[in-house]
């Protein structure tokens, strides 16, 4: 996954900003036409929350293990 993201970011660095924002706003426009304003806002909000929670939890494996220990009883499945 890290290799994929590094290749993606390298391609984005070489691409003009106009192309990137054109594609981004095209996708947002499609979402607005298909789902409506509030559903699109909800999708974008949940995507941002998922990104930030995922980057926080998976940045350090010990944080992720502590999070799992809070949810699941520790020692039962490990």
N, C-alpha and C. Protein backbone atom coordinates (compact mmCIF):
# COMPACT_ATOMS: atom_id res chain seq x y z
N UNK A 1 0.83 -1.19 0.00
CA UNK A 1 0.00 0.00 0.00
C UNK A 1 0.87 1.25 0.00
N UNK A 2 1.96 1.18 0.75
CA UNK A 2 2.85 2.35 0.84
C UNK A 2 3.51 2.63 -0.51
N UNK A 3 3.87 1.56 -1.22
CA UNK A 3 4.45 1.74 -2.56
C UNK A 3 3.45 2.38 -3.51
N UNK A 4 2.20 1.93 -3.43
CA UNK A 4 1.15 2.48 -4.28
C UNK A 4 0.96 3.97 -4.00
N UNK A 5 0.91 4.34 -2.72
CA UNK A 5 0.72 5.75 -2.37
C UNK A 5 1.92 6.60 -2.79
N UNK A 6 3.13 6.07 -2.64
CA UNK A 6 4.29 6.85 -3.04
C UNK A 6 4.31 7.06 -4.55
N UNK A 7 3.93 6.03 -5.32
CA UNK A 7 3.85 6.19 -6.78
C UNK A 7 2.76 7.18 -7.16
N UNK A 8 1.62 7.10 -6.46
CA UNK A 8 0.51 8.01 -6.74
C UNK A 8 0.91 9.45 -6.45
N UNK A 9 1.55 9.69 -5.31
CA UNK A 9 1.96 11.05 -4.97
C UNK A 9 3.03 11.58 -5.93
N UNK A 10 3.90 10.69 -6.41
CA UNK A 10 4.91 11.13 -7.36
C UNK A 10 4.27 11.53 -8.69
N UNK A 11 3.26 10.76 -9.12
CA UNK A 11 2.54 11.14 -10.34
C UNK A 11 1.79 12.44 -10.16
N UNK A 12 1.22 12.63 -8.97
CA UNK A 12 0.48 13.87 -8.72
C UNK A 12 1.40 15.08 -8.68
N UNK A 13 2.64 14.89 -8.22
CA UNK A 13 3.60 16.01 -8.22
C UNK A 13 3.94 16.46 -9.63
N UNK A 14 3.95 15.51 -10.55
CA UNK A 14 4.30 15.84 -11.93
C UNK A 14 3.11 16.32 -12.74
N UNK A 15 1.91 16.24 -12.18
CA UNK A 15 0.69 16.65 -12.89
C UNK A 15 0.36 18.09 -12.53
N UNK A 16 -0.20 18.79 -13.49
CA UNK A 16 -0.58 20.17 -13.25
C UNK A 16 -1.76 20.23 -12.29
N UNK A 17 -1.81 21.29 -11.51
CA UNK A 17 -2.86 21.43 -10.50
C UNK A 17 -4.23 21.55 -11.14
N UNK A 18 -4.32 22.14 -12.31
CA UNK A 18 -5.61 22.29 -12.98
C UNK A 18 -6.26 20.96 -13.30
N UNK A 19 -5.46 19.99 -13.71
CA UNK A 19 -5.99 18.66 -14.03
C UNK A 19 -6.48 17.97 -12.77
N UNK A 20 -5.70 18.07 -11.70
CA UNK A 20 -6.07 17.43 -10.44
C UNK A 20 -7.40 17.99 -9.92
N UNK A 21 -7.52 19.32 -9.90
CA UNK A 21 -8.73 19.92 -9.37
C UNK A 21 -9.92 19.72 -10.31
N UNK A 22 -9.67 19.63 -11.59
CA UNK A 22 -10.76 19.35 -12.53
C UNK A 22 -11.35 17.97 -12.25
N UNK A 23 -10.51 16.97 -12.05
CA UNK A 23 -10.97 15.62 -11.75
C UNK A 23 -11.68 15.59 -10.40
N UNK A 24 -11.10 16.27 -9.40
CA UNK A 24 -11.69 16.31 -8.07
C UNK A 24 -13.09 16.92 -8.09
N UNK A 25 -13.24 18.06 -8.74
CA UNK A 25 -14.54 18.72 -8.78
C UNK A 25 -15.52 18.00 -9.70
N UNK A 26 -15.03 17.28 -10.69
CA UNK A 26 -15.91 16.45 -11.50
C UNK A 26 -16.53 15.34 -10.65
N UNK A 27 -15.71 14.71 -9.82
CA UNK A 27 -16.21 13.65 -8.94
C UNK A 27 -17.20 14.22 -7.94
N UNK A 28 -16.89 15.37 -7.36
CA UNK A 28 -17.82 16.00 -6.41
C UNK A 28 -19.11 16.38 -7.11
N UNK A 29 -19.03 16.88 -8.34
CA UNK A 29 -20.23 17.22 -9.10
C UNK A 29 -21.09 16.00 -9.39
N UNK A 30 -20.45 14.89 -9.74
CA UNK A 30 -21.21 13.65 -9.95
C UNK A 30 -21.90 13.19 -8.67
N UNK A 31 -21.19 13.26 -7.56
CA UNK A 31 -21.79 12.88 -6.29
C UNK A 31 -22.99 13.76 -5.96
N UNK A 32 -22.87 15.06 -6.23
CA UNK A 32 -23.99 15.96 -5.96
C UNK A 32 -25.19 15.65 -6.85
N UNK A 33 -24.95 15.35 -8.10
CA UNK A 33 -26.05 15.03 -9.01
C UNK A 33 -26.72 13.70 -8.67
N UNK A 34 -25.93 12.73 -8.26
CA UNK A 34 -26.48 11.41 -7.99
C UNK A 34 -27.15 11.35 -6.62
N UNK A 35 -26.48 11.85 -5.58
CA UNK A 35 -26.97 11.66 -4.22
C UNK A 35 -27.64 12.89 -3.61
N UNK A 36 -27.33 14.07 -4.07
CA UNK A 36 -27.84 15.28 -3.44
C UNK A 36 -26.81 15.88 -2.50
N UNK A 37 -27.11 17.06 -1.99
CA UNK A 37 -26.14 17.81 -1.21
C UNK A 37 -25.80 17.15 0.12
N UNK A 38 -26.82 16.81 0.92
CA UNK A 38 -26.55 16.31 2.26
C UNK A 38 -25.95 14.91 2.26
N UNK A 39 -26.36 14.08 1.35
CA UNK A 39 -25.76 12.74 1.27
C UNK A 39 -24.31 12.83 0.80
N UNK A 40 -24.04 13.74 -0.12
CA UNK A 40 -22.66 13.94 -0.57
C UNK A 40 -21.81 14.49 0.56
N UNK A 41 -22.37 15.43 1.32
CA UNK A 41 -21.65 15.99 2.46
C UNK A 41 -21.35 14.90 3.48
N UNK A 42 -22.30 14.02 3.71
CA UNK A 42 -22.09 12.90 4.63
C UNK A 42 -21.00 11.96 4.13
N UNK A 43 -21.01 11.65 2.85
CA UNK A 43 -19.98 10.77 2.27
C UNK A 43 -18.60 11.39 2.42
N UNK A 44 -18.47 12.68 2.11
CA UNK A 44 -17.17 13.35 2.23
C UNK A 44 -16.71 13.44 3.68
N UNK A 45 -17.65 13.69 4.60
CA UNK A 45 -17.31 13.78 6.02
C UNK A 45 -16.85 12.42 6.55
N UNK A 46 -17.56 11.36 6.21
CA UNK A 46 -17.17 10.03 6.67
C UNK A 46 -15.84 9.58 6.05
N UNK A 47 -15.58 10.00 4.83
CA UNK A 47 -14.30 9.68 4.20
C UNK A 47 -13.16 10.38 4.94
N UNK A 48 -13.35 11.65 5.29
CA UNK A 48 -12.32 12.39 6.03
C UNK A 48 -12.11 11.80 7.42
N UNK A 49 -13.19 11.45 8.11
CA UNK A 49 -13.07 10.84 9.44
C UNK A 49 -12.35 9.50 9.34
N UNK A 50 -12.70 8.70 8.36
CA UNK A 50 -12.04 7.41 8.18
C UNK A 50 -10.56 7.56 7.89
N UNK A 51 -10.21 8.58 7.10
CA UNK A 51 -8.80 8.81 6.80
C UNK A 51 -8.03 9.20 8.05
N UNK A 52 -8.56 10.13 8.83
CA UNK A 52 -7.85 10.59 10.02
C UNK A 52 -7.79 9.52 11.10
N UNK A 53 -8.86 8.78 11.30
CA UNK A 53 -8.84 7.69 12.29
C UNK A 53 -7.88 6.60 11.84
N UNK A 54 -7.93 6.24 10.56
CA UNK A 54 -7.02 5.22 10.06
C UNK A 54 -5.57 5.62 10.14
N UNK A 55 -5.28 6.86 9.82
CA UNK A 55 -3.88 7.30 9.89
C UNK A 55 -3.42 7.40 11.34
N UNK A 56 -4.32 7.72 12.27
CA UNK A 56 -3.95 7.78 13.68
C UNK A 56 -3.72 6.39 14.24
N UNK A 57 -4.62 5.46 13.96
CA UNK A 57 -4.51 4.12 14.54
C UNK A 57 -3.41 3.29 13.91
N UNK A 58 -3.21 3.42 12.62
CA UNK A 58 -2.23 2.57 11.95
C UNK A 58 -0.85 3.21 11.84
N UNK A 59 -0.68 4.41 12.39
CA UNK A 59 0.65 5.03 12.36
C UNK A 59 1.60 4.32 13.31
N UNK A 60 1.05 3.75 14.38
CA UNK A 60 1.86 3.04 15.36
C UNK A 60 1.12 1.75 15.73
N UNK A 61 1.78 0.62 15.60
CA UNK A 61 1.09 -0.65 15.85
C UNK A 61 0.73 -0.82 17.32
N UNK A 62 1.49 -0.21 18.23
CA UNK A 62 1.14 -0.34 19.64
C UNK A 62 -0.16 0.39 19.95
N UNK A 63 -0.42 1.51 19.29
CA UNK A 63 -1.69 2.22 19.48
C UNK A 63 -2.84 1.35 19.00
N UNK A 64 -2.64 0.66 17.88
CA UNK A 64 -3.68 -0.20 17.33
C UNK A 64 -3.95 -1.38 18.25
N UNK A 65 -2.90 -1.97 18.82
CA UNK A 65 -3.08 -3.09 19.75
C UNK A 65 -3.79 -2.64 21.01
N UNK A 66 -3.47 -1.45 21.53
CA UNK A 66 -4.17 -0.92 22.70
C UNK A 66 -5.63 -0.67 22.39
N UNK A 67 -5.91 -0.18 21.19
CA UNK A 67 -7.30 0.06 20.77
C UNK A 67 -8.06 -1.26 20.71
N UNK A 68 -7.45 -2.30 20.15
CA UNK A 68 -8.09 -3.61 20.09
C UNK A 68 -8.28 -4.20 21.48
N UNK A 69 -7.33 -3.97 22.39
CA UNK A 69 -7.47 -4.48 23.74
C UNK A 69 -8.62 -3.81 24.48
N UNK A 70 -8.93 -2.56 24.14
CA UNK A 70 -10.08 -1.91 24.75
C UNK A 70 -11.39 -2.50 24.25
N UNK A 71 -11.41 -2.89 22.98
CA UNK A 71 -12.65 -3.42 22.40
C UNK A 71 -12.80 -4.90 22.72
N UNK A 72 -11.75 -5.68 22.49
CA UNK A 72 -11.77 -7.12 22.72
C UNK A 72 -11.07 -7.44 24.03
N UNK A 73 -11.46 -8.49 24.71
CA UNK A 73 -10.76 -8.85 25.93
C UNK A 73 -9.32 -9.26 25.62
N UNK A 74 -8.34 -8.66 26.31
CA UNK A 74 -6.95 -9.00 25.99
C UNK A 74 -6.61 -10.43 26.41
N UNK A 75 -5.85 -11.08 25.57
CA UNK A 75 -5.38 -12.43 25.88
C UNK A 75 -6.30 -13.54 25.45
N UNK A 76 -7.51 -13.22 25.05
CA UNK A 76 -8.44 -14.29 24.70
C UNK A 76 -8.13 -14.88 23.32
N UNK A 77 -7.80 -14.02 22.37
CA UNK A 77 -7.56 -14.49 21.01
C UNK A 77 -6.11 -14.45 20.62
N UNK A 78 -5.23 -13.98 21.50
CA UNK A 78 -3.80 -13.92 21.16
C UNK A 78 -3.03 -14.87 22.02
